[in-house]
Amino acid sequence: LLILIGLEGLLSADNALVLAVIAKHLPEDEKKRAISYG
């Protein structure tokens, strides 16, 4: 489980960057809500 969480953490950084790029065009308040809802 510790190995899996560490692996998920490293992969989540790449994933989070892509999600941020998808929402980049939205206003700041909508950007955070869009990522949370998604």
Full PDB file with SEQRES, HELIX, SHEET, SSBOND, CRYST1, ORIGX, SCALE, CONECT and MASTER records, all heavy atoms in Angstrom:
SEQRES   1 A   38  LEU LEU ILE LEU ILE GLY LEU GLU GLY LEU LEU SER ALA          
SEQRES   2 A   38  ASP ASN ALA LEU VAL LEU ALA VAL ILE ALA LYS HIS LEU          
SEQRES   3 A   38  PRO GLU ASP GLU LYS LYS ARG ALA ILE SER TYR GLY              
HELIX    1 AA1 LEU A    2  ILE A   22  1                                  21    
HELIX    2 AA2 GLU A   28  TYR A   37  1                                  10    
CRYST1    1.000    1.000    1.000  90.00  90.00  90.00 P 1           1          
ORIGX1      1.000000  0.000000  0.000000        0.00000                         
ORIGX2      0.000000  1.000000  0.000000        0.00000                         
ORIGX3      0.000000  0.000000  1.000000        0.00000                         
SCALE1      1.000000  0.000000  0.000000        0.00000                         
SCALE2      0.000000  1.000000  0.000000        0.00000                         
SCALE3      0.000000  0.000000  1.000000        0.00000                         
ATOM      1  N   LEU A   1       0.830  -1.206   0.000  1.00  0.00           N  
ATOM      2  CA  LEU A   1       0.000   0.000   0.000  1.00  0.00           C  
ATOM      3  C   LEU A   1       0.868   1.261   0.000  1.00  0.00           C  
ATOM      4  O   LEU A   1       0.560   2.225  -0.710  1.00  0.00           O  
ATOM      5  CB  LEU A   1      -0.926  -0.012   1.210  1.00  0.00           C  
ATOM      6  CG  LEU A   1      -1.947   1.138   1.301  1.00  0.00           C  
ATOM      7  CD1 LEU A   1      -2.841   1.164   0.064  1.00  0.00           C  
ATOM      8  CD2 LEU A   1      -2.793   0.992   2.563  1.00  0.00           C  
ATOM      9  N   LEU A   2       1.961   1.261   0.762  1.00  0.00           N  
ATOM     10  CA  LEU A   2       2.869   2.415   0.773  1.00  0.00           C  
ATOM     11  C   LEU A   2       3.487   2.640  -0.601  1.00  0.00           C  
ATOM     12  O   LEU A   2       3.600   3.781  -1.076  1.00  0.00           O  
ATOM     13  CB  LEU A   2       3.967   2.206   1.817  1.00  0.00           C  
ATOM     14  CG  LEU A   2       3.572   2.410   3.281  1.00  0.00           C  
ATOM     15  CD1 LEU A   2       4.735   2.046   4.194  1.00  0.00           C  
ATOM     16  CD2 LEU A   2       3.131   3.856   3.527  1.00  0.00           C  
ATOM     17  N   ILE A   3       3.898   1.553  -1.261  1.00  0.00           N  
ATOM     18  CA  ILE A   3       4.458   1.656  -2.611  1.00  0.00           C  
ATOM     19  C   ILE A   3       3.416   2.231  -3.568  1.00  0.00           C  
ATOM     20  O   ILE A   3       3.705   3.114  -4.381  1.00  0.00           O  
ATOM     21  CB  ILE A   3       4.935   0.276  -3.107  1.00  0.00           C  
ATOM     22  CG1 ILE A   3       6.175  -0.164  -2.316  1.00  0.00           C  
ATOM     23  CG2 ILE A   3       5.247   0.301  -4.604  1.00  0.00           C  
ATOM     24  CD1 ILE A   3       6.600  -1.582  -2.603  1.00  0.00           C  
ATOM     25  N   LEU A   4       2.190   1.734  -3.453  1.00  0.00           N  
ATOM     26  CA  LEU A   4       1.115   2.190  -4.336  1.00  0.00           C  
ATOM     27  C   LEU A   4       0.817   3.673  -4.122  1.00  0.00           C  
ATOM     28  O   LEU A   4       0.645   4.425  -5.083  1.00  0.00           O  
ATOM     29  CB  LEU A   4      -0.143   1.355  -4.091  1.00  0.00           C  
ATOM     30  CG  LEU A   4      -1.348   1.651  -4.983  1.00  0.00           C  
ATOM     31  CD1 LEU A   4      -0.987   1.473  -6.447  1.00  0.00           C  
ATOM     32  CD2 LEU A   4      -2.514   0.741  -4.612  1.00  0.00           C  
ATOM     33  N   ILE A   5       0.786   4.127  -2.867  1.00  0.00           N  
ATOM     34  CA  ILE A   5       0.523   5.538  -2.581  1.00  0.00           C  
ATOM     35  C   ILE A   5       1.645   6.418  -3.132  1.00  0.00           C  
ATOM     36  O   ILE A   5       1.400   7.477  -3.706  1.00  0.00           O  
ATOM     37  CB  ILE A   5       0.345   5.751  -1.062  1.00  0.00           C  
ATOM     38  CG1 ILE A   5      -0.975   5.117  -0.594  1.00  0.00           C  
ATOM     39  CG2 ILE A   5       0.352   7.240  -0.716  1.00  0.00           C  
ATOM     40  CD1 ILE A   5      -1.170   5.117   0.903  1.00  0.00           C  
ATOM     41  N   GLY A   6       2.896   5.970  -2.969  1.00  0.00           N  
ATOM     42  CA  GLY A   6       4.020   6.727  -3.527  1.00  0.00           C  
ATOM     43  C   GLY A   6       3.949   6.816  -5.037  1.00  0.00           C  
ATOM     44  O   GLY A   6       4.182   7.886  -5.629  1.00  0.00           O  
ATOM     45  N   LEU A   7       3.601   5.701  -5.685  1.00  0.00           N  
ATOM     46  CA  LEU A   7       3.470   5.686  -7.139  1.00  0.00           C  
ATOM     47  C   LEU A   7       2.325   6.581  -7.579  1.00  0.00           C  
ATOM     48  O   LEU A   7       2.452   7.350  -8.549  1.00  0.00           O  
ATOM     49  CB  LEU A   7       3.244   4.245  -7.615  1.00  0.00           C  
ATOM     50  CG  LEU A   7       3.156   4.012  -9.133  1.00  0.00           C  
ATOM     51  CD1 LEU A   7       4.427   4.480  -9.819  1.00  0.00           C  
ATOM     52  CD2 LEU A   7       2.896   2.536  -9.425  1.00  0.00           C  
ATOM     53  N   GLU A   8       1.188   6.496  -6.872  1.00  0.00           N  
ATOM     54  CA  GLU A   8       0.043   7.353  -7.183  1.00  0.00           C  
ATOM     55  C   GLU A   8       0.431   8.832  -7.057  1.00  0.00           C  
ATOM     56  O   GLU A   8       0.016   9.667  -7.849  1.00  0.00           O  
ATOM     57  CB  GLU A   8      -1.124   7.049  -6.231  1.00  0.00           C  
ATOM     58  CG  GLU A   8      -1.802   5.716  -6.457  1.00  0.00           C  
ATOM     59  CD  GLU A   8      -2.791   5.747  -7.598  1.00  0.00           C  
ATOM     60  OE1 GLU A   8      -2.936   6.801  -8.240  1.00  0.00           O  
ATOM     61  OE2 GLU A   8      -3.419   4.708  -7.849  1.00  0.00           O  
ATOM     62  N   GLY A   9       1.242   9.137  -6.031  1.00  0.00           N  
ATOM     63  CA  GLY A   9       1.656  10.527  -5.836  1.00  0.00           C  
ATOM     64  C   GLY A   9       2.464  11.054  -7.003  1.00  0.00           C  
ATOM     65  O   GLY A   9       2.210  12.158  -7.503  1.00  0.00           O  
ATOM     66  N   LEU A  10       3.438  10.273  -7.470  1.00  0.00           N  
ATOM     67  CA  LEU A  10       4.266  10.713  -8.593  1.00  0.00           C  
ATOM     68  C   LEU A  10       3.441  10.846  -9.869  1.00  0.00           C  
ATOM     69  O   LEU A  10       3.587  11.806 -10.624  1.00  0.00           O  
ATOM     70  CB  LEU A  10       5.419   9.726  -8.803  1.00  0.00           C  
ATOM     71  CG  LEU A  10       6.503   9.738  -7.725  1.00  0.00           C  
ATOM     72  CD1 LEU A  10       7.487   8.593  -7.944  1.00  0.00           C  
ATOM     73  CD2 LEU A  10       7.238  11.073  -7.711  1.00  0.00           C  
ATOM     74  N   LEU A  11       2.542   9.877 -10.105  1.00  0.00           N  
ATOM     75  CA  LEU A  11       1.700   9.946 -11.300  1.00  0.00           C  
ATOM     76  C   LEU A  11       0.673  11.072 -11.194  1.00  0.00           C  
ATOM     77  O   LEU A  11       0.291  11.665 -12.206  1.00  0.00           O  
ATOM     78  CB  LEU A  11       0.985   8.601 -11.517  1.00  0.00           C  
ATOM     79  CG  LEU A  11       1.885   7.403 -11.830  1.00  0.00           C  
ATOM     80  CD1 LEU A  11       1.046   6.134 -11.958  1.00  0.00           C  
ATOM     81  CD2 LEU A  11       2.683   7.626 -13.103  1.00  0.00           C  
ATOM     82  N   SER A  12       0.228  11.394  -9.961  1.00  0.00           N  
ATOM     83  CA  SER A  12      -0.782  12.440  -9.789  1.00  0.00           C  
ATOM     84  C   SER A  12      -0.243  13.809 -10.164  1.00  0.00           C  
ATOM     85  O   SER A  12      -0.996  14.690 -10.589  1.00  0.00           O  
ATOM     86  CB  SER A  12      -1.294  12.465  -8.344  1.00  0.00           C  
ATOM     87  OG  SER A  12      -0.328  13.020  -7.464  1.00  0.00           O  
ATOM     88  N   ALA A  13       1.078  14.010 -10.025  1.00  0.00           N  
ATOM     89  CA  ALA A  13       1.668  15.292 -10.397  1.00  0.00           C  
ATOM     90  C   ALA A  13       1.474  15.535 -11.891  1.00  0.00           C  
ATOM     91  O   ALA A  13       1.059  16.617 -12.318  1.00  0.00           O  
ATOM     92  CB  ALA A  13       3.149  15.309 -10.034  1.00  0.00           C  
ATOM     93  N   ASP A  14       1.759  14.507 -12.695  1.00  0.00           N  
ATOM     94  CA  ASP A  14       1.572  14.603 -14.148  1.00  0.00           C  
ATOM     95  C   ASP A  14       0.103  14.805 -14.476  1.00  0.00           C  
ATOM     96  O   ASP A  14      -0.269  15.643 -15.306  1.00  0.00           O  
ATOM     97  CB  ASP A  14       2.079  13.313 -14.792  1.00  0.00           C  
ATOM     98  CG  ASP A  14       2.796  13.580 -16.107  1.00  0.00           C  
ATOM     99  OD1 ASP A  14       3.227  14.725 -16.316  1.00  0.00           O  
ATOM    100  OD2 ASP A  14       2.913  12.640 -16.917  1.00  0.00           O  
ATOM    101  N   ASN A  15      -0.767  14.043 -13.798  1.00  0.00           N  
ATOM    102  CA  ASN A  15      -2.203  14.145 -14.040  1.00  0.00           C  
ATOM    103  C   ASN A  15      -2.743  15.526 -13.682  1.00  0.00           C  
ATOM    104  O   ASN A  15      -3.562  16.101 -14.404  1.00  0.00           O  
ATOM    105  CB  ASN A  15      -2.951  13.081 -13.228  1.00  0.00           C  
ATOM    106  CG  ASN A  15      -2.533  11.674 -13.599  1.00  0.00           C  
ATOM    107  OD1 ASN A  15      -1.834  11.459 -14.578  1.00  0.00           O  
ATOM    108  ND2 ASN A  15      -2.936  10.703 -12.803  1.00  0.00           N  
ATOM    109  N   ALA A  16      -2.292  16.060 -12.527  1.00  0.00           N  
ATOM    110  CA  ALA A  16      -2.761  17.366 -12.077  1.00  0.00           C  
ATOM    111  C   ALA A  16      -2.356  18.470 -13.050  1.00  0.00           C  
ATOM    112  O   ALA A  16      -3.112  19.422 -13.275  1.00  0.00           O  
ATOM    113  CB  ALA A  16      -2.209  17.677 -10.685  1.00  0.00           C  
ATOM    114  N   LEU A  17      -1.176  18.335 -13.637  1.00  0.00           N  
ATOM    115  CA  LEU A  17      -0.736  19.327 -14.628  1.00  0.00           C  
ATOM    116  C   LEU A  17      -1.670  19.347 -15.836  1.00  0.00           C  
ATOM    117  O   LEU A  17      -2.033  20.418 -16.344  1.00  0.00           O  
ATOM    118  CB  LEU A  17       0.700  19.024 -15.076  1.00  0.00           C  
ATOM    119  CG  LEU A  17       1.807  19.372 -14.079  1.00  0.00           C  
ATOM    120  CD1 LEU A  17       3.151  18.866 -14.591  1.00  0.00           C  
ATOM    121  CD2 LEU A  17       1.870  20.872 -13.840  1.00  0.00           C  
ATOM    122  N   VAL A  18      -2.070  18.154 -16.294  1.00  0.00           N  
ATOM    123  CA  VAL A  18      -2.980  18.070 -17.437  1.00  0.00           C  
ATOM    124  C   VAL A  18      -4.338  18.671 -17.091  1.00  0.00           C  
ATOM    125  O   VAL A  18      -4.932  19.418 -17.881  1.00  0.00           O  
ATOM    126  CB  VAL A  18      -3.133  16.600 -17.903  1.00  0.00           C  
ATOM    127  CG1 VAL A  18      -4.202  16.494 -18.997  1.00  0.00           C  
ATOM    128  CG2 VAL A  18      -1.803  16.067 -18.417  1.00  0.00           C  
ATOM    129  N   LEU A  19      -4.859  18.373 -15.876  1.00  0.00           N  
ATOM    130  CA  LEU A  19      -6.147  18.926 -15.455  1.00  0.00           C  
ATOM    131  C   LEU A  19      -6.071  20.452 -15.373  1.00  0.00           C  
ATOM    132  O   LEU A  19      -7.022  21.150 -15.748  1.00  0.00           O  
ATOM    133  CB  LEU A  19      -6.558  18.357 -14.096  1.00  0.00           C  
ATOM    134  CG  LEU A  19      -6.750  16.836 -14.006  1.00  0.00           C  
ATOM    135  CD1 LEU A  19      -7.337  16.458 -12.654  1.00  0.00           C  
ATOM    136  CD2 LEU A  19      -7.630  16.315 -15.126  1.00  0.00           C  
ATOM    137  N   ALA A  20      -4.937  20.968 -14.890  1.00  0.00           N  
ATOM    138  CA  ALA A  20      -4.765  22.418 -14.807  1.00  0.00           C  
ATOM    139  C   ALA A  20      -4.754  23.049 -16.193  1.00  0.00           C  
ATOM    140  O   ALA A  20      -5.307  24.135 -16.404  1.00  0.00           O  
ATOM    141  CB  ALA A  20      -3.471  22.746 -14.063  1.00  0.00           C  
ATOM    142  N   VAL A  21      -4.144  22.356 -17.150  1.00  0.00           N  
ATOM    143  CA  VAL A  21      -4.101  22.856 -18.527  1.00  0.00           C  
ATOM    144  C   VAL A  21      -5.501  22.890 -19.127  1.00  0.00           C  
ATOM    145  O   VAL A  21      -5.889  23.844 -19.815  1.00  0.00           O  
ATOM    146  CB  VAL A  21      -3.156  21.980 -19.390  1.00  0.00           C  
ATOM    147  CG1 VAL A  21      -3.323  22.302 -20.871  1.00  0.00           C  
ATOM    148  CG2 VAL A  21      -1.707  22.210 -18.981  1.00  0.00           C  
ATOM    149  N   ILE A  22      -6.311  21.843 -18.849  1.00  0.00           N  
ATOM    150  CA  ILE A  22      -7.676  21.778 -19.385  1.00  0.00           C  
ATOM    151  C   ILE A  22      -8.506  22.959 -18.880  1.00  0.00           C  
ATOM    152  O   ILE A  22      -9.309  23.540 -19.617  1.00  0.00           O  
ATOM    153  CB  ILE A  22      -8.351  20.445 -18.989  1.00  0.00           C  
ATOM    154  CG1 ILE A  22      -7.653  19.267 -19.682  1.00  0.00           C  
ATOM    155  CG2 ILE A  22      -9.837  20.452 -19.350  1.00  0.00           C  
ATOM    156  CD1 ILE A  22      -8.146  17.908 -19.229  1.00  0.00           C  
ATOM    157  N   ALA A  23      -8.325  23.332 -17.601  1.00  0.00           N  
ATOM    158  CA  ALA A  23      -9.131  24.397 -16.983  1.00  0.00           C  
ATOM    159  C   ALA A  23      -8.473  25.770 -17.084  1.00  0.00           C  
ATOM    160  O   ALA A  23      -9.025  26.748 -16.562  1.00  0.00           O  
ATOM    161  CB  ALA A  23      -9.383  24.054 -15.516  1.00  0.00           C  
ATOM    162  N   LYS A  24      -7.356  25.873 -17.753  1.00  0.00           N  
ATOM    163  CA  LYS A  24      -6.550  27.098 -17.760  1.00  0.00           C  
ATOM    164  C   LYS A  24      -7.301  28.306 -18.310  1.00  0.00           C  
ATOM    165  O   LYS A  24      -7.088  29.447 -17.885  1.00  0.00           O  
ATOM    166  CB  LYS A  24      -5.274  26.853 -18.572  1.00  0.00           C  
ATOM    167  CG  LYS A  24      -4.256  27.972 -18.490  1.00  0.00           C  
ATOM    168  CD  LYS A  24      -2.998  27.595 -19.267  1.00  0.00           C  
ATOM    169  CE  LYS A  24      -1.968  28.712 -19.207  1.00  0.00           C  
ATOM    170  NZ  LYS A  24      -0.744  28.360 -19.963  1.00  0.00           N  
ATOM    171  N   HIS A  25      -8.215  28.080 -19.262  1.00  0.00           N  
ATOM    172  CA  HIS A  25      -8.890  29.186 -19.943  1.00  0.00           C  
ATOM    173  C   HIS A  25     -10.000  29.809 -19.094  1.00  0.00           C  
ATOM    174  O   HIS A  25     -10.507  30.881 -19.426  1.00  0.00           O  
ATOM    175  CB  HIS A  25      -9.493  28.688 -21.258  1.00  0.00           C  
ATOM    176  CG  HIS A  25     -10.566  27.653 -21.064  1.00  0.00           C  
ATOM    177  ND1 HIS A  25     -10.287  26.351 -20.688  1.00  0.00           N  
ATOM    178  CD2 HIS A  25     -11.923  27.734 -21.165  1.00  0.00           C  
ATOM    179  CE1 HIS A  25     -11.415  25.681 -20.589  1.00  0.00           C  
ATOM    180  NE2 HIS A  25     -12.426  26.496 -20.870  1.00  0.00           N  
ATOM    181  N   LEU A  26     -10.408  29.138 -17.988  1.00  0.00           N  
ATOM    182  CA  LEU A  26     -11.507  29.625 -17.154  1.00  0.00           C  
ATOM    183  C   LEU A  26     -11.020  30.697 -16.176  1.00  0.00           C  
ATOM    184  O   LEU A  26      -9.838  30.727 -15.827  1.00  0.00           O  
ATOM    185  CB  LEU A  26     -12.122  28.470 -16.360  1.00  0.00           C  
ATOM    186  CG  LEU A  26     -12.839  27.380 -17.159  1.00  0.00           C  
ATOM    187  CD1 LEU A  26     -13.246  26.241 -16.224  1.00  0.00           C  
ATOM    188  CD2 LEU A  26     -14.050  27.931 -17.892  1.00  0.00           C  
ATOM    189  N   PRO A  27     -11.931  31.570 -15.707  1.00  0.00           N  
ATOM    190  CA  PRO A  27     -11.574  32.514 -14.637  1.00  0.00           C  
ATOM    191  C   PRO A  27     -11.117  31.757 -13.395  1.00  0.00           C  
ATOM    192  O   PRO A  27     -11.499  30.602 -13.192  1.00  0.00           O  
ATOM    193  CB  PRO A  27     -12.892  33.269 -14.364  1.00  0.00           C  
ATOM    194  CG  PRO A  27     -13.695  33.092 -15.608  1.00  0.00           C  
ATOM    195  CD  PRO A  27     -13.315  31.756 -16.185  1.00  0.00           C  
ATOM    196  N   GLU A  28     -10.336  32.400 -12.539  1.00  0.00           N  
ATOM    197  CA  GLU A  28      -9.692  31.726 -11.417  1.00  0.00           C  
ATOM    198  C   GLU A  28     -10.686  31.010 -10.504  1.00  0.00           C  
ATOM    199  O   GLU A  28     -10.464  29.865 -10.103  1.00  0.00           O  
ATOM    200  CB  GLU A  28      -8.883  32.744 -10.596  1.00  0.00           C  
ATOM    201  CG  GLU A  28      -7.896  32.110  -9.635  1.00  0.00           C  
ATOM    202  CD  GLU A  28      -6.856  31.258 -10.345  1.00  0.00           C  
ATOM    203  OE1 GLU A  28      -6.450  31.608 -11.470  1.00  0.00           O  
ATOM    204  OE2 GLU A  28      -6.469  30.222  -9.772  1.00  0.00           O  
ATOM    205  N   ASP A  29     -11.817  31.665 -10.167  1.00  0.00           N  
ATOM    206  CA  ASP A  29     -12.791  31.035  -9.269  1.00  0.00           C  
ATOM    207  C   ASP A  29     -13.453  29.827  -9.921  1.00  0.00           C  
ATOM    208  O   ASP A  29     -13.690  28.799  -9.286  1.00  0.00           O  
ATOM    209  CB  ASP A  29     -13.843  32.056  -8.814  1.00  0.00           C  
ATOM    210  CG  ASP A  29     -14.596  32.673  -9.987  1.00  0.00           C  
ATOM    211  OD1 ASP A  29     -13.989  32.778 -11.076  1.00  0.00           O  
ATOM    212  OD2 ASP A  29     -15.772  33.023  -9.815  1.00  0.00           O  
ATOM    213  N   GLU A  30     -13.750  29.932 -11.229  1.00  0.00           N  
ATOM    214  CA  GLU A  30     -14.369  28.819 -11.942  1.00  0.00           C  
ATOM    215  C   GLU A  30     -13.374  27.677 -12.168  1.00  0.00           C  
ATOM    216  O   GLU A  30     -13.756  26.501 -12.198  1.00  0.00           O  
ATOM    217  CB  GLU A  30     -14.928  29.285 -13.286  1.00  0.00           C  
ATOM    218  CG  GLU A  30     -16.157  30.168 -13.173  1.00  0.00           C  
ATOM    219  CD  GLU A  30     -16.805  30.408 -14.529  1.00  0.00           C  
ATOM    220  OE1 GLU A  30     -16.278  29.895 -15.540  1.00  0.00           O  
ATOM    221  OE2 GLU A  30     -17.827  31.109 -14.566  1.00  0.00           O  
ATOM    222  N   LYS A  31     -12.096  28.021 -12.313  1.00  0.00           N  
ATOM    223  CA  LYS A  31     -11.064  27.018 -12.555  1.00  0.00           C  
ATOM    224  C   LYS A  31     -11.006  26.022 -11.403  1.00  0.00           C  
ATOM    225  O   LYS A  31     -11.017  24.803 -11.601  1.00  0.00           O  
ATOM    226  CB  LYS A  31      -9.709  27.714 -12.722  1.00  0.00           C  
ATOM    227  CG  LYS A  31      -8.568  26.779 -13.108  1.00  0.00           C  
ATOM    228  CD  LYS A  31      -7.230  27.501 -13.062  1.00  0.00           C  
ATOM    229  CE  LYS A  31      -7.223  28.694 -13.993  1.00  0.00           C  
ATOM    230  NZ  LYS A  31      -5.899  29.375 -13.997  1.00  0.00           N  
ATOM    231  N   LYS A  32     -10.990  26.549 -10.159  1.00  0.00           N  
ATOM    232  CA  LYS A  32     -10.913  25.673  -8.989  1.00  0.00           C  
ATOM    233  C   LYS A  32     -12.173  24.818  -8.860  1.00  0.00           C  
ATOM    234  O   LYS A  32     -12.114  23.636  -8.531  1.00  0.00           O  
ATOM    235  CB  LYS A  32     -10.706  26.502  -7.729  1.00  0.00           C  
ATOM    236  CG  LYS A  32      -9.341  27.181  -7.672  1.00  0.00           C  
ATOM    237  CD  LYS A  32      -9.198  28.021  -6.411  1.00  0.00           C  
ATOM    238  CE  LYS A  32      -7.834  28.697  -6.365  1.00  0.00           C  
ATOM    239  NZ  LYS A  32      -7.676  29.569  -5.171  1.00  0.00           N  
ATOM    240  N   ARG A  33     -13.338  25.445  -9.128  1.00  0.00           N  
ATOM    241  CA  ARG A  33     -14.594  24.684  -9.024  1.00  0.00           C  
ATOM    242  C   ARG A  33     -14.670  23.604 -10.101  1.00  0.00           C  
ATOM    243  O   ARG A  33     -15.140  22.494  -9.844  1.00  0.00           O  
ATOM    244  CB  ARG A  33     -15.795  25.625  -9.131  1.00  0.00           C  
ATOM    245  CG  ARG A  33     -16.062  26.398  -7.851  1.00  0.00           C  
ATOM    246  CD  ARG A  33     -17.432  27.049  -7.870  1.00  0.00           C  
ATOM    247  NE  ARG A  33     -17.550  28.052  -8.914  1.00  0.00           N  
ATOM    248  CZ  ARG A  33     -18.500  28.083  -9.847  1.00  0.00           C  
ATOM    249  NH1 ARG A  33     -19.426  27.146  -9.867  1.00  0.00           N  
ATOM    250  NH2 ARG A  33     -18.520  29.048 -10.745  1.00  0.00           N  
ATOM    251  N   ALA A  34     -14.215  23.918 -11.307  1.00  0.00           N  
ATOM    252  CA  ALA A  34     -14.264  22.957 -12.402  1.00  0.00           C  
ATOM    253  C   ALA A  34     -13.408  21.723 -12.083  1.00  0.00           C  
ATOM    254  O   ALA A  34     -13.834  20.581 -12.300  1.00  0.00           O  
ATOM    255  CB  ALA A  34     -13.774  23.602 -13.701  1.00  0.00           C  
ATOM    256  N   ILE A  35     -12.215  21.963 -11.541  1.00  0.00           N  
ATOM    257  CA  ILE A  35     -11.341  20.840 -11.186  1.00  0.00           C  
ATOM    258  C   ILE A  35     -11.967  20.009 -10.062  1.00  0.00           C  
ATOM    259  O   ILE A  35     -11.962  18.774 -10.101  1.00  0.00           O  
ATOM    260  CB  ILE A  35      -9.940  21.353 -10.779  1.00  0.00           C  
ATOM    261  CG1 ILE A  35      -9.230  21.945 -12.007  1.00  0.00           C  
ATOM    262  CG2 ILE A  35      -9.095  20.235 -10.173  1.00  0.00           C  
ATOM    263  CD1 ILE A  35      -7.895  22.593 -11.708  1.00  0.00           C  
ATOM    264  N   SER A  36     -12.565  20.693  -9.053  1.00  0.00           N  
ATOM    265  CA  SER A  36     -13.199  19.979  -7.939  1.00  0.00           C  
ATOM    266  C   SER A  36     -14.389  19.145  -8.421  1.00  0.00           C  
ATOM    267  O   SER A  36     -14.533  17.971  -8.047  1.00  0.00           O  
ATOM    268  CB  SER A  36     -13.664  20.970  -6.870  1.00  0.00           C  
ATOM    269  OG  SER A  36     -12.569  21.636  -6.290  1.00  0.00           O  
ATOM    270  N   TYR A  37     -15.255  19.748  -9.250  1.00  0.00           N  
ATOM    271  CA  TYR A  37     -16.420  19.015  -9.761  1.00  0.00           C  
ATOM    272  C   TYR A  37     -15.989  17.858 -10.662  1.00  0.00           C  
ATOM    273  O   TYR A  37     -16.566  16.761 -10.614  1.00  0.00           O  
ATOM    274  CB  TYR A  37     -17.338  19.951 -10.549  1.00  0.00           C  
ATOM    275  CG  TYR A  37     -18.069  20.973  -9.714  1.00  0.00           C  
ATOM    276  CD1 TYR A  37     -18.732  22.046 -10.310  1.00  0.00           C  
ATOM    277  CD2 TYR A  37     -18.110  20.884  -8.326  1.00  0.00           C  
ATOM    278  CE1 TYR A  37     -19.407  23.001  -9.552  1.00  0.00           C  
ATOM    279  CE2 TYR A  37     -18.773  21.827  -7.565  1.00  0.00           C  
ATOM    280  CZ  TYR A  37     -19.419  22.884  -8.182  1.00  0.00           C  
ATOM    281  OH  TYR A  37     -20.073  23.818  -7.422  1.00  0.00           O  
ATOM    282  N   GLY A  38     -14.988  18.103 -11.494  1.00  0.00           N  
ATOM    283  CA  GLY A  38     -14.499  17.058 -12.400  1.00  0.00           C  
ATOM    284  C   GLY A  38     -13.949  15.869 -11.632  1.00  0.00           C  
ATOM    285  O   GLY A  38     -14.225  14.711 -11.971  1.00  0.00           O  
TER     286      GLY A  38                                                      
MASTER        0    0    0    2    0    0    0    6  285    1    0    3          
END                                                                             
